[in-house]
Amino acid sequence: MNLNYDIQKIEETLADVVLAGGVSTKVYKGQRPSIAKGMTDFVVVSVPTSLTDLAAYGRCTSRIEMFVKNDANGLKNSTKFSLMYTKLCNIFPIQNDTYLFDIYPTIIPLGNDNEGFHVQAININTIIKTI
């Protein structure tokens, strides 16, 4: 076991960078809030996969989910998504003494969440230094 494999620390690091980068003023760790009244956008960062210990380093997938309130017609607000995505691109590469978040993400449009938001997920290969 390695203290650098603490999923909460990975989420905290990613949340801090996303918030500092201005992607959204509301960044949550782990899962979305149950009530999103009054919000026009928010971001959820998580580690939705297992973490693999490879002795010299660890590996997992981190995820950034961007939620954008649907427009007045209930359709995706593409303009807002593009703005948030541009800000997200500007914060990469993300690297500190422990974590390296890859600059080649997998982007997954998740569509309408049936709660008034459209969602896009960005999966990021994450390397965790152990020494």
N, C-alpha and C. Protein backbone atom coordinates (compact mmCIF):
# COMPACT_ATOMS: atom_id res chain seq x y z
N MET A 1 0.85 -1.19 0.00
CA MET A 1 0.00 0.00 0.00
C MET A 1 0.89 1.24 0.00
N ASN A 2 0.38 2.25 -0.70
CA ASN A 2 1.12 3.49 -0.84
C ASN A 2 0.17 4.65 -0.56
N LEU A 3 0.60 5.61 0.25
CA LEU A 3 -0.26 6.74 0.59
C LEU A 3 -0.62 7.59 -0.62
N ASN A 4 0.18 7.55 -1.68
CA ASN A 4 -0.13 8.31 -2.89
C ASN A 4 -1.31 7.71 -3.65
N TYR A 5 -1.75 6.53 -3.27
CA TYR A 5 -2.87 5.88 -3.95
C TYR A 5 -4.23 6.23 -3.33
N ASP A 6 -4.25 7.24 -2.51
CA ASP A 6 -5.48 7.70 -1.88
C ASP A 6 -6.34 8.41 -2.93
N ILE A 7 -7.45 7.81 -3.30
CA ILE A 7 -8.32 8.35 -4.36
C ILE A 7 -8.79 9.76 -4.01
N GLN A 8 -9.05 10.02 -2.74
CA GLN A 8 -9.50 11.35 -2.32
C GLN A 8 -8.45 12.42 -2.65
N LYS A 9 -7.17 12.08 -2.50
CA LYS A 9 -6.11 13.04 -2.81
C LYS A 9 -6.02 13.30 -4.32
N ILE A 10 -6.24 12.26 -5.12
CA ILE A 10 -6.25 12.44 -6.57
C ILE A 10 -7.40 13.36 -6.97
N GLU A 11 -8.59 13.10 -6.43
CA GLU A 11 -9.75 13.95 -6.73
C GLU A 11 -9.52 15.38 -6.26
N GLU A 12 -8.93 15.55 -5.09
CA GLU A 12 -8.67 16.88 -4.55
C GLU A 12 -7.71 17.66 -5.45
N THR A 13 -6.66 17.00 -5.90
CA THR A 13 -5.69 17.65 -6.78
C THR A 13 -6.36 18.09 -8.08
N LEU A 14 -7.12 17.19 -8.68
CA LEU A 14 -7.79 17.51 -9.94
C LEU A 14 -8.84 18.61 -9.74
N ALA A 15 -9.60 18.56 -8.66
CA ALA A 15 -10.61 19.58 -8.38
C ALA A 15 -9.98 20.96 -8.21
N ASP A 16 -8.86 21.02 -7.49
CA ASP A 16 -8.18 22.30 -7.28
C ASP A 16 -7.75 22.93 -8.60
N VAL A 17 -7.21 22.11 -9.51
CA VAL A 17 -6.72 22.62 -10.79
C VAL A 17 -7.90 23.07 -11.67
N VAL A 18 -8.97 22.29 -11.69
CA VAL A 18 -10.15 22.64 -12.49
C VAL A 18 -10.76 23.95 -11.98
N LEU A 19 -10.85 24.10 -10.68
CA LEU A 19 -11.39 25.33 -10.09
C LEU A 19 -10.49 26.52 -10.39
N ALA A 20 -9.19 26.35 -10.21
CA ALA A 20 -8.23 27.44 -10.47
C ALA A 20 -8.23 27.83 -11.95
N GLY A 21 -8.52 26.86 -12.84
CA GLY A 21 -8.54 27.14 -14.27
C GLY A 21 -9.81 27.81 -14.74
N GLY A 22 -10.77 28.01 -13.85
CA GLY A 22 -12.00 28.72 -14.20
C GLY A 22 -12.96 27.95 -15.07
N VAL A 23 -12.83 26.62 -15.09
CA VAL A 23 -13.75 25.81 -15.90
C VAL A 23 -15.17 25.97 -15.37
N SER A 24 -15.33 26.00 -14.06
CA SER A 24 -16.61 26.25 -13.39
C SER A 24 -16.31 26.75 -11.99
N THR A 25 -17.24 27.47 -11.41
CA THR A 25 -17.07 27.92 -10.02
C THR A 25 -17.56 26.86 -9.04
N LYS A 26 -18.20 25.83 -9.58
CA LYS A 26 -18.72 24.75 -8.73
C LYS A 26 -18.08 23.44 -9.17
N VAL A 27 -17.19 22.91 -8.32
CA VAL A 27 -16.49 21.66 -8.63
C VAL A 27 -16.72 20.71 -7.45
N TYR A 28 -17.22 19.52 -7.77
CA TYR A 28 -17.53 18.52 -6.76
C TYR A 28 -16.64 17.30 -6.95
N LYS A 29 -16.39 16.60 -5.85
CA LYS A 29 -15.55 15.41 -5.90
C LYS A 29 -16.42 14.16 -5.72
N GLY A 30 -16.14 13.14 -6.51
CA GLY A 30 -16.80 11.85 -6.35
C GLY A 30 -18.06 11.69 -7.17
N GLN A 31 -19.09 12.45 -6.86
CA GLN A 31 -20.34 12.34 -7.60
C GLN A 31 -21.07 13.67 -7.61
N ARG A 32 -22.02 13.78 -8.51
CA ARG A 32 -22.77 15.03 -8.65
C ARG A 32 -23.63 15.30 -7.43
N PRO A 33 -23.93 16.57 -7.17
CA PRO A 33 -24.84 16.87 -6.07
C PRO A 33 -26.25 16.41 -6.42
N SER A 34 -27.02 16.07 -5.41
CA SER A 34 -28.37 15.58 -5.66
C SER A 34 -29.31 16.70 -6.09
N ILE A 35 -29.03 17.91 -5.66
CA ILE A 35 -29.86 19.05 -6.03
C ILE A 35 -28.98 20.07 -6.73
N ALA A 36 -29.38 20.47 -7.93
CA ALA A 36 -28.60 21.43 -8.71
C ALA A 36 -29.42 22.67 -9.04
N LYS A 37 -30.38 23.03 -8.15
CA LYS A 37 -31.23 24.19 -8.40
C LYS A 37 -30.39 25.46 -8.48
N GLY A 38 -30.72 26.29 -9.47
CA GLY A 38 -30.04 27.57 -9.62
C GLY A 38 -28.68 27.50 -10.29
N MET A 39 -28.17 26.31 -10.53
CA MET A 39 -26.87 26.17 -11.18
C MET A 39 -27.02 26.16 -12.69
N THR A 40 -26.10 26.82 -13.37
CA THR A 40 -26.09 26.78 -14.83
C THR A 40 -25.03 25.83 -15.35
N ASP A 41 -24.06 25.54 -14.50
CA ASP A 41 -23.03 24.57 -14.84
C ASP A 41 -22.33 24.11 -13.57
N PHE A 42 -21.72 22.95 -13.64
CA PHE A 42 -20.86 22.47 -12.58
C PHE A 42 -20.01 21.34 -13.12
N VAL A 43 -18.98 20.98 -12.35
CA VAL A 43 -18.03 19.94 -12.75
C VAL A 43 -17.92 18.94 -11.62
N VAL A 44 -17.81 17.66 -11.98
CA VAL A 44 -17.55 16.60 -11.02
C VAL A 44 -16.26 15.91 -11.42
N VAL A 45 -15.33 15.78 -10.48
CA VAL A 45 -14.10 15.03 -10.73
C VAL A 45 -14.15 13.74 -9.92
N SER A 46 -13.64 12.67 -10.50
CA SER A 46 -13.69 11.38 -9.82
C SER A 46 -12.62 10.45 -10.34
N VAL A 47 -12.46 9.33 -9.66
CA VAL A 47 -11.62 8.22 -10.11
C VAL A 47 -12.56 7.02 -10.23
N PRO A 48 -13.14 6.82 -11.43
CA PRO A 48 -14.17 5.79 -11.58
C PRO A 48 -13.65 4.39 -11.89
N THR A 49 -12.33 4.21 -11.82
CA THR A 49 -11.74 2.90 -12.13
C THR A 49 -10.90 2.42 -10.97
N SER A 50 -10.45 1.20 -11.07
CA SER A 50 -9.52 0.69 -10.07
C SER A 50 -8.16 1.37 -10.25
N LEU A 51 -7.40 1.34 -9.19
CA LEU A 51 -6.06 1.90 -9.22
C LEU A 51 -5.09 0.72 -9.23
N THR A 52 -4.18 0.71 -10.19
CA THR A 52 -3.26 -0.41 -10.36
C THR A 52 -1.87 -0.04 -9.84
N ASP A 53 -1.33 -0.85 -8.97
CA ASP A 53 0.00 -0.66 -8.43
C ASP A 53 0.99 -1.41 -9.31
N LEU A 54 1.90 -0.68 -9.94
CA LEU A 54 2.90 -1.29 -10.82
C LEU A 54 4.30 -1.16 -10.23
N ALA A 55 4.38 -1.14 -8.92
CA ALA A 55 5.63 -1.06 -8.14
C ALA A 55 6.30 0.31 -8.24
N ALA A 56 6.81 0.69 -9.39
CA ALA A 56 7.50 1.97 -9.53
C ALA A 56 6.53 3.14 -9.66
N TYR A 57 5.31 2.82 -10.09
CA TYR A 57 4.29 3.86 -10.23
C TYR A 57 2.92 3.20 -10.18
N GLY A 58 1.90 4.01 -10.02
CA GLY A 58 0.52 3.54 -10.05
C GLY A 58 -0.19 4.13 -11.25
N ARG A 59 -1.32 3.54 -11.58
CA ARG A 59 -2.06 4.00 -12.75
C ARG A 59 -3.56 3.88 -12.48
N CYS A 60 -4.32 4.87 -12.96
CA CYS A 60 -5.78 4.82 -12.89
C CYS A 60 -6.32 5.75 -13.96
N THR A 61 -7.62 5.80 -14.06
CA THR A 61 -8.28 6.77 -14.94
C THR A 61 -9.02 7.77 -14.05
N SER A 62 -8.76 9.03 -14.28
CA SER A 62 -9.50 10.09 -13.60
C SER A 62 -10.54 10.60 -14.60
N ARG A 63 -11.60 11.19 -14.05
CA ARG A 63 -12.67 11.67 -14.92
C ARG A 63 -13.10 13.07 -14.50
N ILE A 64 -13.33 13.89 -15.52
CA ILE A 64 -13.92 15.21 -15.33
C ILE A 64 -15.25 15.19 -16.07
N GLU A 65 -16.34 15.41 -15.36
CA GLU A 65 -17.66 15.49 -15.99
C GLU A 65 -18.13 16.93 -15.94
N MET A 66 -18.45 17.47 -17.12
CA MET A 66 -18.95 18.83 -17.21
C MET A 66 -20.47 18.77 -17.40
N PHE A 67 -21.19 19.44 -16.52
CA PHE A 67 -22.65 19.51 -16.58
C PHE A 67 -23.03 20.94 -16.97
N VAL A 68 -23.86 21.07 -18.01
CA VAL A 68 -24.32 22.39 -18.46
C VAL A 68 -25.84 22.36 -18.54
N LYS A 69 -26.46 23.37 -17.91
CA LYS A 69 -27.92 23.50 -17.92
C LYS A 69 -28.42 23.61 -19.36
N ASN A 70 -29.47 22.87 -19.67
CA ASN A 70 -30.09 22.94 -20.99
C ASN A 70 -30.63 24.34 -21.25
N ASP A 71 -30.74 24.71 -22.52
CA ASP A 71 -31.29 26.02 -22.85
C ASP A 71 -32.81 26.03 -22.61
N ALA A 72 -33.44 27.13 -22.91
CA ALA A 72 -34.88 27.30 -22.64
C ALA A 72 -35.73 26.28 -23.38
N ASN A 73 -35.24 25.73 -24.48
CA ASN A 73 -35.98 24.72 -25.24
C ASN A 73 -35.65 23.29 -24.80
N GLY A 74 -34.83 23.15 -23.75
CA GLY A 74 -34.45 21.83 -23.28
C GLY A 74 -33.34 21.18 -24.08
N LEU A 75 -32.66 21.98 -24.90
CA LEU A 75 -31.59 21.47 -25.76
C LEU A 75 -30.22 21.78 -25.16
N LYS A 76 -29.22 21.09 -25.65
CA LYS A 76 -27.84 21.28 -25.18
C LYS A 76 -27.38 22.70 -25.47
N ASN A 77 -26.72 23.30 -24.50
CA ASN A 77 -26.14 24.63 -24.65
C ASN A 77 -24.71 24.45 -25.16
N SER A 78 -24.57 24.30 -26.45
CA SER A 78 -23.27 24.02 -27.08
C SER A 78 -22.27 25.15 -26.86
N THR A 79 -22.73 26.38 -26.84
CA THR A 79 -21.84 27.52 -26.65
C THR A 79 -21.16 27.43 -25.29
N LYS A 80 -21.92 27.14 -24.26
CA LYS A 80 -21.37 27.02 -22.91
C LYS A 80 -20.40 25.84 -22.81
N PHE A 81 -20.75 24.71 -23.41
CA PHE A 81 -19.86 23.55 -23.42
C PHE A 81 -18.52 23.91 -24.07
N SER A 82 -18.57 24.59 -25.20
CA SER A 82 -17.33 24.97 -25.90
C SER A 82 -16.47 25.88 -25.04
N LEU A 83 -17.10 26.82 -24.36
CA LEU A 83 -16.36 27.72 -23.48
C LEU A 83 -15.69 26.95 -22.35
N MET A 84 -16.43 26.06 -21.71
CA MET A 84 -15.87 25.27 -20.62
C MET A 84 -14.75 24.35 -21.12
N TYR A 85 -14.94 23.74 -22.29
CA TYR A 85 -13.94 22.84 -22.84
C TYR A 85 -12.65 23.60 -23.17
N THR A 86 -12.78 24.81 -23.70
CA THR A 86 -11.60 25.63 -23.98
C THR A 86 -10.82 25.91 -22.71
N LYS A 87 -11.53 26.28 -21.64
CA LYS A 87 -10.86 26.54 -20.36
C LYS A 87 -10.20 25.27 -19.83
N LEU A 88 -10.88 24.13 -20.01
CA LEU A 88 -10.31 22.86 -19.57
C LEU A 88 -9.02 22.55 -20.33
N CYS A 89 -9.02 22.75 -21.62
CA CYS A 89 -7.82 22.49 -22.44
C CYS A 89 -6.65 23.35 -21.99
N ASN A 90 -6.95 24.56 -21.55
CA ASN A 90 -5.90 25.49 -21.14
C ASN A 90 -5.20 25.10 -19.85
N ILE A 91 -5.78 24.21 -19.05
CA ILE A 91 -5.12 23.83 -17.79
C ILE A 91 -4.19 22.63 -17.94
N PHE A 92 -4.20 22.00 -19.12
CA PHE A 92 -3.33 20.84 -19.34
C PHE A 92 -2.00 21.29 -19.90
N PRO A 93 -0.92 20.59 -19.61
CA PRO A 93 -0.83 19.36 -18.81
C PRO A 93 -0.94 19.68 -17.32
N ILE A 94 -1.53 18.74 -16.58
CA ILE A 94 -1.65 18.87 -15.14
C ILE A 94 -0.62 17.93 -14.52
N GLN A 95 0.30 18.51 -13.76
CA GLN A 95 1.35 17.70 -13.16
C GLN A 95 1.79 18.34 -11.86
N ASN A 96 1.99 17.52 -10.85
CA ASN A 96 2.60 18.00 -9.62
C ASN A 96 3.64 16.96 -9.19
N ASP A 97 4.08 17.01 -7.96
CA ASP A 97 5.12 16.08 -7.51
C ASP A 97 4.66 14.63 -7.46
N THR A 98 3.35 14.40 -7.44
CA THR A 98 2.82 13.04 -7.27
C THR A 98 2.04 12.55 -8.47
N TYR A 99 1.26 13.41 -9.11
CA TYR A 99 0.33 12.98 -10.15
C TYR A 99 0.64 13.62 -11.51
N LEU A 100 0.45 12.83 -12.55
CA LEU A 100 0.55 13.31 -13.92
C LEU A 100 -0.73 12.92 -14.63
N PHE A 101 -1.51 13.92 -15.03
CA PHE A 101 -2.76 13.70 -15.74
C PHE A 101 -2.48 13.87 -17.23
N ASP A 102 -2.64 12.82 -17.99
CA ASP A 102 -2.29 12.74 -19.40
C ASP A 102 -2.98 13.83 -20.23
N ILE A 103 -2.32 14.27 -21.29
CA ILE A 103 -2.88 15.32 -22.15
C ILE A 103 -3.67 14.74 -23.33
N TYR A 104 -3.86 13.42 -23.37
CA TYR A 104 -4.62 12.78 -24.45
C TYR A 104 -5.86 12.11 -23.86
N PRO A 105 -6.89 12.89 -23.55
CA PRO A 105 -8.08 12.32 -22.90
C PRO A 105 -9.00 11.62 -23.89
N THR A 106 -9.92 10.86 -23.32
CA THR A 106 -11.03 10.29 -24.08
C THR A 106 -12.26 11.10 -23.71
N ILE A 107 -12.95 11.65 -24.71
CA ILE A 107 -14.10 12.51 -24.46
C ILE A 107 -15.37 11.73 -24.82
N ILE A 108 -16.30 11.71 -23.88
CA ILE A 108 -17.52 10.92 -24.05
C ILE A 108 -18.74 11.82 -23.85
N PRO A 109 -19.53 12.05 -24.91
CA PRO A 109 -20.78 12.80 -24.71
C PRO A 109 -21.81 11.88 -24.04
N LEU A 110 -22.26 12.26 -22.86
CA LEU A 110 -23.21 11.43 -22.12
C LEU A 110 -24.66 11.85 -22.33
N GLY A 111 -24.88 12.98 -23.00
CA GLY A 111 -26.23 13.40 -23.33
C GLY A 111 -26.97 14.04 -22.18
N ASN A 112 -28.29 14.03 -22.29
CA ASN A 112 -29.19 14.65 -21.32
C ASN A 112 -29.30 13.75 -20.09
N ASP A 113 -29.16 14.32 -18.91
CA ASP A 113 -29.24 13.53 -17.68
C ASP A 113 -30.66 13.44 -17.11
N ASN A 114 -31.64 13.95 -17.84
CA ASN A 114 -33.05 13.97 -17.42
C ASN A 114 -33.29 14.79 -16.16
N GLU A 115 -32.32 15.63 -15.79
CA GLU A 115 -32.49 16.55 -14.67
C GLU A 115 -32.21 17.98 -15.11
N GLY A 116 -32.26 18.20 -16.45
CA GLY A 116 -32.10 19.54 -16.98
C GLY A 116 -30.69 19.90 -17.41
N PHE A 117 -29.79 18.92 -17.43
CA PHE A 117 -28.40 19.18 -17.81
C PHE A 117 -27.96 18.21 -18.90
N HIS A 118 -27.06 18.69 -19.76
CA HIS A 118 -26.33 17.80 -20.66
C HIS A 118 -24.96 17.58 -20.03
N VAL A 119 -24.37 16.42 -20.31
CA VAL A 119 -23.13 16.03 -19.64
C VAL A 119 -22.11 15.54 -20.66
N GLN A 120 -20.87 15.94 -20.45
CA GLN A 120 -19.75 15.40 -21.20
C GLN A 120 -18.72 14.91 -20.20
N ALA A 121 -18.18 13.71 -20.43
CA ALA A 121 -17.15 13.15 -19.56
C ALA A 121 -15.82 13.17 -20.28
N ILE A 122 -14.78 13.49 -19.55
CA ILE A 122 -13.43 13.46 -20.07
C ILE A 122 -12.64 12.49 -19.20
N ASN A 123 -12.24 11.36 -19.77
CA ASN A 123 -11.44 10.37 -19.06
C ASN A 123 -9.96 10.65 -19.31
N ILE A 124 -9.19 10.65 -18.23
CA ILE A 124 -7.78 11.02 -18.31
C ILE A 124 -6.93 9.93 -17.68
N ASN A 125 -6.00 9.39 -18.45
CA ASN A 125 -5.05 8.45 -17.89
C ASN A 125 -4.20 9.18 -16.87
N THR A 126 -4.04 8.58 -15.71
CA THR A 126 -3.35 9.23 -14.61
C THR A 126 -2.21 8.34 -14.11
N ILE A 127 -1.04 8.92 -14.01
CA ILE A 127 0.13 8.22 -13.48
C ILE A 127 0.39 8.75 -12.08
N ILE A 128 0.67 7.85 -11.16
CA ILE A 128 0.92 8.20 -9.76
C ILE A 128 2.33 7.78 -9.41
N LYS A 129 3.13 8.74 -9.01
CA LYS A 129 4.52 8.44 -8.63
C LYS A 129 4.53 7.79 -7.26
N THR A 130 5.32 6.76 -7.11
CA THR A 130 5.38 6.07 -5.82
C THR A 130 6.68 6.31 -5.07
N ILE A 131 7.68 6.81 -5.76
CA ILE A 131 8.97 7.03 -5.08
C ILE A 131 9.41 8.47 -5.19
